[in-house]
PDB file of all heavy atoms in Angstrom:
ATOM      1  N   GLY A   1     116.180  60.911  77.029  1.00  0.00           N
ATOM      2  CA  GLY A   1     116.643  59.810  76.190  1.00  0.00           C
ATOM      3  C   GLY A   1     115.566  59.284  75.265  1.00  0.00           C
ATOM      4  O   GLY A   1     115.825  59.112  74.052  1.00  0.00           O
ATOM      5  N   PHE A   2     114.355  59.060  75.800  1.00  0.00           N
ATOM      6  CA  PHE A   2     113.281  58.576  74.954  1.00  0.00           C
ATOM      7  C   PHE A   2     112.864  59.614  73.932  1.00  0.00           C
ATOM      8  O   PHE A   2     112.511  59.294  72.791  1.00  0.00           O
ATOM      9  CB  PHE A   2     112.076  58.171  75.814  1.00  0.00           C
ATOM     10  CG  PHE A   2     112.135  56.759  76.312  1.00  0.00           C
ATOM     11  CD1 PHE A   2     112.542  56.486  77.574  1.00  0.00           C
ATOM     12  CD2 PHE A   2     111.791  55.724  75.464  1.00  0.00           C
ATOM     13  CE1 PHE A   2     112.614  55.178  78.057  1.00  0.00           C
ATOM     14  CE2 PHE A   2     111.853  54.402  75.910  1.00  0.00           C
ATOM     15  CZ  PHE A   2     112.282  54.137  77.197  1.00  0.00           C
ATOM     16  N   ALA A   3     112.883  60.891  74.333  1.00  0.00           N
ATOM     17  CA  ALA A   3     112.525  61.954  73.372  1.00  0.00           C
ATOM     18  C   ALA A   3     113.541  61.991  72.225  1.00  0.00           C
ATOM     19  O   ALA A   3     113.171  62.197  71.062  1.00  0.00           O
ATOM     20  CB  ALA A   3     112.515  63.292  74.074  1.00  0.00           C
ATOM     21  N   HIS A   4     114.822  61.738  72.530  1.00  0.00           N
ATOM     22  CA  HIS A   4     115.846  61.706  71.470  1.00  0.00           C
ATOM     23  C   HIS A   4     115.660  60.498  70.557  1.00  0.00           C
ATOM     24  O   HIS A   4     115.914  60.602  69.330  1.00  0.00           O
ATOM     25  CB  HIS A   4     117.226  61.711  72.105  1.00  0.00           C
ATOM     26  CG  HIS A   4     118.345  61.688  71.109  1.00  0.00           C
ATOM     27  ND1 HIS A   4     118.661  62.804  70.351  1.00  0.00           N
ATOM     28  CD2 HIS A   4     119.208  60.705  70.734  1.00  0.00           C
ATOM     29  CE1 HIS A   4     119.688  62.513  69.572  1.00  0.00           C
ATOM     30  NE2 HIS A   4     120.032  61.241  69.786  1.00  0.00           N
ATOM     31  N   LEU A   5     115.206  59.385  71.123  1.00  0.00           N
ATOM     32  CA  LEU A   5     115.080  58.142  70.329  1.00  0.00           C
ATOM     33  C   LEU A   5     113.822  58.163  69.438  1.00  0.00           C
ATOM     34  O   LEU A   5     113.925  57.811  68.232  1.00  0.00           O
ATOM     35  CB  LEU A   5     115.070  56.928  71.244  1.00  0.00           C
ATOM     36  CG  LEU A   5     116.367  56.570  71.933  1.00  0.00           C
ATOM     37  CD1 LEU A   5     116.159  55.423  72.896  1.00  0.00           C
ATOM     38  CD2 LEU A   5     117.420  56.200  70.901  1.00  0.00           C
ATOM     39  N   ILE A   6     112.710  58.559  69.994  1.00  0.00           N
ATOM     40  CA  ILE A   6     111.439  58.415  69.254  1.00  0.00           C
ATOM     41  C   ILE A   6     110.994  59.719  68.572  1.00  0.00           C
ATOM     42  O   ILE A   6     110.069  59.710  67.792  1.00  0.00           O
ATOM     43  CB  ILE A   6     110.307  57.887  70.175  1.00  0.00           C
ATOM     44  CG1 ILE A   6     109.986  58.934  71.263  1.00  0.00           C
ATOM     45  CG2 ILE A   6     110.730  56.586  70.813  1.00  0.00           C
ATOM     46  CD1 ILE A   6     108.839  58.510  72.168  1.00  0.00           C
ATOM     47  N   ASN A   7     111.637  60.836  68.928  1.00  0.00           N
ATOM     48  CA  ASN A   7     111.286  62.127  68.310  1.00  0.00           C
ATOM     49  C   ASN A   7     109.789  62.407  68.370  1.00  0.00           C
ATOM     50  O   ASN A   7     109.093  62.412  67.349  1.00  0.00           O
ATOM     51  CB  ASN A   7     111.762  62.173  66.851  1.00  0.00           C
ATOM     52  CG  ASN A   7     113.268  62.152  66.735  1.00  0.00           C
ATOM     53  OD1 ASN A   7     113.958  62.805  67.534  1.00  0.00           O
ATOM     54  ND2 ASN A   7     113.789  61.439  65.754  1.00  0.00           N
ATOM     55  N   PRO A   8     109.213  62.604  69.542  1.00  0.00           N
ATOM     56  CA  PRO A   8     107.774  62.880  69.630  1.00  0.00           C
ATOM     57  C   PRO A   8     107.408  64.159  68.916  1.00  0.00           C
ATOM     58  O   PRO A   8     108.135  65.153  68.974  1.00  0.00           O
ATOM     59  CB  PRO A   8     107.522  62.999  71.147  1.00  0.00           C
ATOM     60  CG  PRO A   8     108.855  63.378  71.734  1.00  0.00           C
ATOM     61  CD  PRO A   8     109.874  62.702  70.865  1.00  0.00           C
ATOM     62  N   GLY A   9     106.308  64.106  68.218  1.00  0.00           N
ATOM     63  CA  GLY A   9     105.832  65.292  67.474  1.00  0.00           C
ATOM     64  C   GLY A   9     106.155  65.232  66.002  1.00  0.00           C
ATOM     65  O   GLY A   9     105.596  66.010  65.220  1.00  0.00           O
ATOM     66  N   VAL A  10     107.030  64.281  65.592  1.00  0.00           N
ATOM     67  CA  VAL A  10     107.354  64.172  64.181  1.00  0.00           C
ATOM     68  C   VAL A  10     106.098  63.689  63.424  1.00  0.00           C
ATOM     69  O   VAL A  10     105.496  62.706  63.791  1.00  0.00           O
ATOM     70  CB  VAL A  10     108.508  63.188  63.962  1.00  0.00           C
ATOM     71  CG1 VAL A  10     108.728  62.947  62.471  1.00  0.00           C
ATOM     72  CG2 VAL A  10     109.791  63.743  64.605  1.00  0.00           C
ATOM     73  N   GLY A  11     105.755  64.381  62.379  1.00  0.00           N
ATOM     74  CA  GLY A  11     104.597  64.030  61.585  1.00  0.00           C
ATOM     75  C   GLY A  11     103.330  64.776  61.988  1.00  0.00           C
ATOM     76  O   GLY A  11     102.326  64.708  61.264  1.00  0.00           O
ATOM     77  N   LEU A  12     103.379  65.553  63.078  1.00  0.00           N
ATOM     78  CA  LEU A  12     102.197  66.306  63.468  1.00  0.00           C
ATOM     79  C   LEU A  12     101.901  67.459  62.525  1.00  0.00           C
ATOM     80  O   LEU A  12     100.807  67.975  62.525  1.00  0.00           O
ATOM     81  CB  LEU A  12     102.367  66.865  64.905  1.00  0.00           C
ATOM     82  CG  LEU A  12     102.350  65.819  66.032  1.00  0.00           C
ATOM     83  CD1 LEU A  12     102.552  66.519  67.368  1.00  0.00           C
ATOM     84  CD2 LEU A  12     101.062  65.054  66.025  1.00  0.00           C
ATOM     85  N   ALA A  13     102.902  67.827  61.705  1.00  0.00           N
ATOM     86  CA  ALA A  13     102.666  68.914  60.778  1.00  0.00           C
ATOM     87  C   ALA A  13     101.630  68.566  59.739  1.00  0.00           C
ATOM     88  O   ALA A  13     100.989  69.443  59.157  1.00  0.00           O
ATOM     89  CB  ALA A  13     103.999  69.279  60.063  1.00  0.00           C
ATOM     90  N   ASP A  14     101.410  67.277  59.539  1.00  0.00           N
ATOM     91  CA  ASP A  14     100.411  66.838  58.528  1.00  0.00           C
ATOM     92  C   ASP A  14      99.002  66.713  59.119  1.00  0.00           C
ATOM     93  O   ASP A  14      98.070  66.474  58.401  1.00  0.00           O
ATOM     94  CB  ASP A  14     100.820  65.473  57.943  1.00  0.00           C
ATOM     95  CG  ASP A  14     102.158  65.542  57.249  1.00  0.00           C
ATOM     96  OD1 ASP A  14     102.482  66.597  56.679  1.00  0.00           O
ATOM     97  OD2 ASP A  14     102.891  64.509  57.257  1.00  0.00           O
ATOM     98  N   LEU A  15      98.894  66.929  60.455  1.00  0.00           N
ATOM     99  CA  LEU A  15      97.596  66.804  61.105  1.00  0.00           C
ATOM    100  C   LEU A  15      96.904  68.158  61.124  1.00  0.00           C
ATOM    101  O   LEU A  15      97.545  69.205  61.132  1.00  0.00           O
ATOM    102  CB  LEU A  15      97.735  66.274  62.533  1.00  0.00           C
ATOM    103  CG  LEU A  15      98.359  64.913  62.669  1.00  0.00           C
ATOM    104  CD1 LEU A  15      98.470  64.509  64.152  1.00  0.00           C
ATOM    105  CD2 LEU A  15      97.539  63.839  61.922  1.00  0.00           C
ATOM    106  N   PRO A  16      95.551  68.154  61.145  1.00  0.00           N
ATOM    107  CA  PRO A  16      94.816  69.416  61.133  1.00  0.00           C
ATOM    108  C   PRO A  16      94.817  70.107  62.501  1.00  0.00           C
ATOM    109  O   PRO A  16      93.828  70.138  63.212  1.00  0.00           O
ATOM    110  CB  PRO A  16      93.398  68.987  60.709  1.00  0.00           C
ATOM    111  CG  PRO A  16      93.294  67.591  61.234  1.00  0.00           C
ATOM    112  CD  PRO A  16      94.655  66.985  61.048  1.00  0.00           C
ATOM    113  N   LEU A  17      95.958  70.643  62.857  1.00  0.00           N
ATOM    114  CA  LEU A  17      96.085  71.342  64.150  1.00  0.00           C
ATOM    115  C   LEU A  17      95.782  72.812  63.981  1.00  0.00           C
ATOM    116  O   LEU A  17      95.975  73.410  62.904  1.00  0.00           O
ATOM    117  CB  LEU A  17      97.503  71.116  64.705  1.00  0.00           C
ATOM    118  CG  LEU A  17      97.913  69.654  64.949  1.00  0.00           C
ATOM    119  CD1 LEU A  17      99.345  69.630  65.436  1.00  0.00           C
ATOM    120  CD2 LEU A  17      97.001  68.988  65.953  1.00  0.00           C
ATOM    121  N   GLY A  18      95.368  73.457  65.075  1.00  0.00           N
ATOM    122  CA  GLY A  18      95.151  74.885  65.062  1.00  0.00           C
ATOM    123  C   GLY A  18      96.462  75.638  65.199  1.00  0.00           C
ATOM    124  O   GLY A  18      97.533  75.088  65.185  1.00  0.00           O
ATOM    125  N   GLU A  19      96.327  76.915  65.320  1.00  0.00           N
ATOM    126  CA  GLU A  19      97.514  77.763  65.486  1.00  0.00           C
ATOM    127  C   GLU A  19      98.188  77.490  66.806  1.00  0.00           C
ATOM    128  O   GLU A  19      97.560  77.458  67.874  1.00  0.00           O
ATOM    129  CB  GLU A  19      97.118  79.226  65.389  1.00  0.00           C
ATOM    130  CG  GLU A  19      98.303  80.167  65.460  1.00  0.00           C
ATOM    131  CD  GLU A  19      97.886  81.633  65.405  1.00  0.00           C
ATOM    132  OE1 GLU A  19      96.670  81.859  65.243  1.00  0.00           O
ATOM    133  OE2 GLU A  19      98.735  82.526  65.555  1.00  0.00           O
ATOM    134  N   VAL A  20      99.494  77.276  66.770  1.00  0.00           N
ATOM    135  CA  VAL A  20     100.273  76.964  67.988  1.00  0.00           C
ATOM    136  C   VAL A  20     101.082  78.178  68.359  1.00  0.00           C
ATOM    137  O   VAL A  20     101.815  78.723  67.554  1.00  0.00           O
ATOM    138  CB  VAL A  20     101.205  75.761  67.734  1.00  0.00           C
ATOM    139  CG1 VAL A  20     102.012  75.468  68.994  1.00  0.00           C
ATOM    140  CG2 VAL A  20     100.384  74.526  67.342  1.00  0.00           C
ATOM    141  N   LYS A  21     100.901  78.663  69.601  1.00  0.00           N
ATOM    142  CA  LYS A  21     101.636  79.773  70.116  1.00  0.00           C
ATOM    143  C   LYS A  21     102.761  79.290  71.017  1.00  0.00           C
ATOM    144  O   LYS A  21     102.556  78.464  71.858  1.00  0.00           O
ATOM    145  CB  LYS A  21     100.708  80.724  70.875  1.00  0.00           C
ATOM    146  CG  LYS A  21      99.600  81.346  70.047  1.00  0.00           C
ATOM    147  CD  LYS A  21      98.736  82.291  70.876  1.00  0.00           C
ATOM    148  CE  LYS A  21      97.661  82.904  69.997  1.00  0.00           C
ATOM    149  NZ  LYS A  21      96.782  83.807  70.795  1.00  0.00           N
ATOM    150  N   ALA A  22     103.919  79.884  70.814  1.00  0.00           N
ATOM    151  CA  ALA A  22     105.062  79.501  71.645  1.00  0.00           C
ATOM    152  C   ALA A  22     104.856  80.002  73.066  1.00  0.00           C
ATOM    153  O   ALA A  22     104.414  81.122  73.305  1.00  0.00           O
ATOM    154  CB  ALA A  22     106.365  80.110  71.056  1.00  0.00           C
ATOM    155  N   ARG A  23     105.172  79.123  74.016  1.00  0.00           N
ATOM    156  CA  ARG A  23     105.003  79.479  75.441  1.00  0.00           C
ATOM    157  C   ARG A  23     106.276  80.163  75.956  1.00  0.00           C
ATOM    158  O   ARG A  23     107.383  79.836  75.568  1.00  0.00           O
ATOM    159  CB  ARG A  23     104.720  78.229  76.279  1.00  0.00           C
ATOM    160  CG  ARG A  23     103.405  77.581  75.976  1.00  0.00           C
ATOM    161  CD  ARG A  23     103.135  76.432  76.934  1.00  0.00           C
ATOM    162  NE  ARG A  23     103.118  76.929  78.311  1.00  0.00           N
ATOM    163  CZ  ARG A  23     102.975  76.108  79.350  1.00  0.00           C
ATOM    164  NH1 ARG A  23     102.860  74.785  79.188  1.00  0.00           N
ATOM    165  NH2 ARG A  23     102.976  76.614  80.571  1.00  0.00           N
ATOM    166  N   GLU A  24     106.042  81.127  76.837  1.00  0.00           N
ATOM    167  CA  GLU A  24     107.173  81.824  77.430  1.00  0.00           C
ATOM    168  C   GLU A  24     107.774  80.941  78.562  1.00  0.00           C
ATOM    169  O   GLU A  24     107.042  80.517  79.460  1.00  0.00           O
ATOM    170  CB  GLU A  24     106.721  83.169  77.988  1.00  0.00           C
ATOM    171  CG  GLU A  24     107.815  83.982  78.619  1.00  0.00           C
ATOM    172  CD  GLU A  24     107.335  85.282  79.166  1.00  0.00           C
ATOM    173  OE1 GLU A  24     106.177  85.613  78.956  1.00  0.00           O
ATOM    174  OE2 GLU A  24     108.145  85.965  79.828  1.00  0.00           O
ATOM    175  N   ILE A  25     109.035  80.661  78.466  1.00  0.00           N
ATOM    176  CA  ILE A  25     109.742  79.841  79.451  1.00  0.00           C
ATOM    177  C   ILE A  25     110.068  80.670  80.673  1.00  0.00           C
ATOM    178  O   ILE A  25     110.786  81.697  80.564  1.00  0.00           O
ATOM    179  CB  ILE A  25     111.010  79.210  78.870  1.00  0.00           C
ATOM    180  CG1 ILE A  25     110.625  78.357  77.627  1.00  0.00           C
ATOM    181  CG2 ILE A  25     111.706  78.378  79.920  1.00  0.00           C
ATOM    182  CD1 ILE A  25     111.826  77.760  76.961  1.00  0.00           C
ATOM    183  N   PRO A  26     109.564  80.308  81.871  1.00  0.00           N
ATOM    184  CA  PRO A  26     109.866  81.122  83.060  1.00  0.00           C
ATOM    185  C   PRO A  26     111.316  80.953  83.510  1.00  0.00           C
ATOM    186  O   PRO A  26     111.947  79.963  83.240  1.00  0.00           O
ATOM    187  CB  PRO A  26     108.908  80.541  84.108  1.00  0.00           C
ATOM    188  CG  PRO A  26     108.644  79.121  83.684  1.00  0.00           C
ATOM    189  CD  PRO A  26     108.706  79.175  82.142  1.00  0.00           C
ATOM    190  N   THR A  27     111.799  81.956  84.193  1.00  0.00           N
ATOM    191  CA  THR A  27     113.175  81.900  84.719  1.00  0.00           C
ATOM    192  C   THR A  27     113.177  81.014  85.961  1.00  0.00           C
ATOM    193  O   THR A  27     112.122  80.787  86.572  1.00  0.00           O
ATOM    194  CB  THR A  27     113.645  83.335  85.106  1.00  0.00           C
ATOM    195  OG1 THR A  27     112.792  83.827  86.160  1.00  0.00           O
ATOM    196  CG2 THR A  27     113.556  84.252  83.899  1.00  0.00           C
ATOM    197  N   PRO A  28     114.367  80.520  86.369  1.00  0.00           N
ATOM    198  CA  PRO A  28     114.436  79.715  87.582  1.00  0.00           C
ATOM    199  C   PRO A  28     113.839  80.438  88.813  1.00  0.00           C
ATOM    200  O   PRO A  28     113.222  79.793  89.677  1.00  0.00           O
ATOM    201  CB  PRO A  28     115.933  79.453  87.731  1.00  0.00           C
ATOM    202  CG  PRO A  28     116.467  79.508  86.338  1.00  0.00           C
ATOM    203  CD  PRO A  28     115.647  80.564  85.669  1.00  0.00           C
ATOM    204  N   LEU A  29     114.070  81.749  88.913  1.00  0.00           N
ATOM    205  CA  LEU A  29     113.535  82.502  90.020  1.00  0.00           C
ATOM    206  C   LEU A  29     112.011  82.498  90.018  1.00  0.00           C
ATOM    207  O   LEU A  29     111.352  82.333  91.073  1.00  0.00           O
ATOM    208  CB  LEU A  29     114.058  83.916  90.042  1.00  0.00           C
ATOM    209  CG  LEU A  29     113.564  84.848  91.183  1.00  0.00           C
ATOM    210  CD1 LEU A  29     113.934  84.246  92.499  1.00  0.00           C
ATOM    211  CD2 LEU A  29     114.090  86.260  91.003  1.00  0.00           C
ATOM    212  N   GLN A  30     111.423  82.664  88.845  1.00  0.00           N
ATOM    213  CA  GLN A  30     109.987  82.648  88.736  1.00  0.00           C
ATOM    214  C   GLN A  30     109.401  81.270  89.084  1.00  0.00           C
ATOM    215  O   GLN A  30     108.341  81.203  89.699  1.00  0.00           O
ATOM    216  CB  GLN A  30     109.571  83.032  87.310  1.00  0.00           C
ATOM    217  CG  GLN A  30     109.812  84.474  86.941  1.00  0.00           C
ATOM    218  CD  GLN A  30     109.518  84.759  85.512  1.00  0.00           C
ATOM    219  OE1 GLN A  30     109.677  83.916  84.614  1.00  0.00           O
ATOM    220  NE2 GLN A  30     109.048  86.002  85.200  1.00  0.00           N
ATOM    221  N   VAL A  31     110.138  80.203  88.743  1.00  0.00           N
ATOM    222  CA  VAL A  31     109.701  78.874  89.085  1.00  0.00           C
ATOM    223  C   VAL A  31     109.681  78.700  90.586  1.00  0.00           C
ATOM    224  O   VAL A  31     108.729  78.150  91.175  1.00  0.00           O
ATOM    225  CB  VAL A  31     110.604  77.821  88.395  1.00  0.00           C
ATOM    226  CG1 VAL A  31     110.250  76.415  88.927  1.00  0.00           C
ATOM    227  CG2 VAL A  31     110.466  77.879  86.902  1.00  0.00           C
TER     228      VAL A  31
END
C-alpha cells in the first residue's frame, strides 16, 4: 500500500547511480 502511494524510487534516474543489474527472482521451491 505504501509503495503504491509514495512510489519509492521515483526520481532516482536523475541521481549518479552505477549500473543496475536485474536480480533473478527465485522460485517458491528454491525459497
